[in-house]
C-alpha cells in the first residue's frame, strides 16, 4: 500500500521576534477519498511562543519517559498532553496496568526510568509489584502465572506522582493542549503549533518527540506512514475501559478456580445460548488493581473504530459506554464475586491499540524475531505476547498458540522477549523528529509485543537521551551515535544487552 501523507501549508511572515506566524492550511495531500463537502483555505497570524530544545508531544508512558530523560541530559523541555493529566492510557485510559516490563518471576526486563518509576510508585502506595506464588494456579493480577509481570496501579495516584516528577525535574508542562500542526522547512520541523484555552501558538523546537501513539506529528509533518493491515487498513478493535469496586475477590477467584477458565469462555457460551450475551467478543478479561476489591475490566471490544477519525472515536465512546452498562449488569447477575460490584469510573479516553505506523529505513519483522536477530542498536526489550486481536474477530489472536488453527504461519509461545531497535523509531524524511511508542516501524504482527507501556517507556527514554546529540551536535535522529546512546542508557540503569536479561529467550514456532 502506498504511504499516506499530509503537508501543512505554513509560511513565515516578517521577523520572527514579535511578528507572529501566518498559519495557512491549503489543500490536503493524501491518498484518501476527496473531501465530501469541498475545502476552504484558513489563514491567521498566530503568536510565537518561547523556544525549547525539545518539544515532546504526548504525555503517556513514552512521552513522560522522553521528557524526563531529555531534561536529565540538560535539555530545555516542553511536554504537551491533550488530556488533563499525565500517564496516557494508564491513567486517562484506565488500562491501569504497566505491562511488558518484567518476566513471569517478577524480574526486570525493562530497566531505567520504568524500573525506577515503578519501584518508587510502589513504595508510595500508588502501584503494586506482584510476585508469583507457585503453589497457586491462578492470581487476580492477570490470573495466569505467566501474566504476573504487570504492575497494577492507581490512576489518580500515578497522575499526581507524574506531576511531581515533571516539576522536580524542571520539565515545562502544558496539559489540555493539543499539538495540532507543525511548521516544516525542507526536512526539519521548526515549530510545533499548539492549541489550548489560550488559543493557537507556535513553539520553536530544535528536536521533536512524537509520543502521540498515532504518529500525529509525523503525519502532519509529511512523514510516510501506513495504517492498520495492508489489505484494507482495518485496525484491531478498541476498548473503553472501566473500573469496578466492591468486588468479592476471594469469591471470584474461587469461581475461576472451579471453572479452570479465567476468561470464562464456557460461561459466555452458555449466556450466548440463552440470548443474554450478545456482544461480538467471547472472552472476559479483568485484573485486580491496588485494592483487593477493585478491578479494571478489559472486556469490551469495539470493532470498526478508526483511532485517527474524530467521528469514529466519538462513536466508540458512545458505543463503549452503552456496552459497559449492559456488561456490568450481566456480571452482577451471572459472575460470582460481582454481585455487589459498583461502577467506579469509566475511562474518558478510548483505548486504541493500533493506528498509524511510521515508515523508517528499516522495519522489524516476524522473520527477524523468529531468527533471534541480534540488533546492534537495541535500546531495550519487551516481555509481552503477540496481543493484537483480529480487526473483525475481537476474540481471535492471530499469532497466539491457541489460534494456530486459523492457518497463520507463525505461532508464539508465552515468555517472548522482544528487542527494541532504535532504528524503528526514526521516521522519514523529517530529520529532527523521533516516534517512540506504538507508532514504530514494525511489521504489523510485531506491534503486539512492542505497543505496551513498559517498552514504550524504554523507547521514550532512549529518544530523550538521543535528543541530546540531535540538539548539541545538530545532527538528525537518524545519525545518532548508537554506541554512545547505548553507553548512556547503561549508565542510567537501562537494560540494552541480551546477556543482562533474566533467563528467558524469544521462541517462535513456524508451522
Foldseek 3Di string as FASTA:
>chain_A
DFFWFWEFDWDADDDLPPPAGKGKGDDTGTPDDDDPVHDDIDIDGAHADEAWQEEEEAQAQLSLLLLLLLLVVVTAYEYEHQAQFHHPCCALQVPQKFAFQAWLQLHGQWKFPVPVLLVVCVVVLFKDRDGADVVDCADQAFTHSRRSNIIFGHNVSVRVVSVVSCVVSVHHYDYSKHQQAFDDDDQATQWTWMQHPVGIYTYGYLFYEHAVLQCNHCRRNTFTKAADDDPPRFFFFWAWKFKKFQFQLVFLSVVCVVVVAQFCQVVQVVCVVVVLDPALARTWDWHAHSDSGMIMTGGDTHAPAAPVDPVSQVVVVVVNVVVVVSVLVCCLVPRHRSVPMDTDDIRPGMGGLTTMAADFPDAAEPVCLQVVPDDPLFQGKTQFAQDTADNVRNHDRCQDPVNVVVPDFKHFDHGAIGTDGLRQQATPDRFRYGYAALRTRYDPSVSRRCHGNSNSSSNSSLNSNQSVCCSPVVGGSVPGDSVVSNVVSVVSITDGDPVVDDPTYTHMDGD
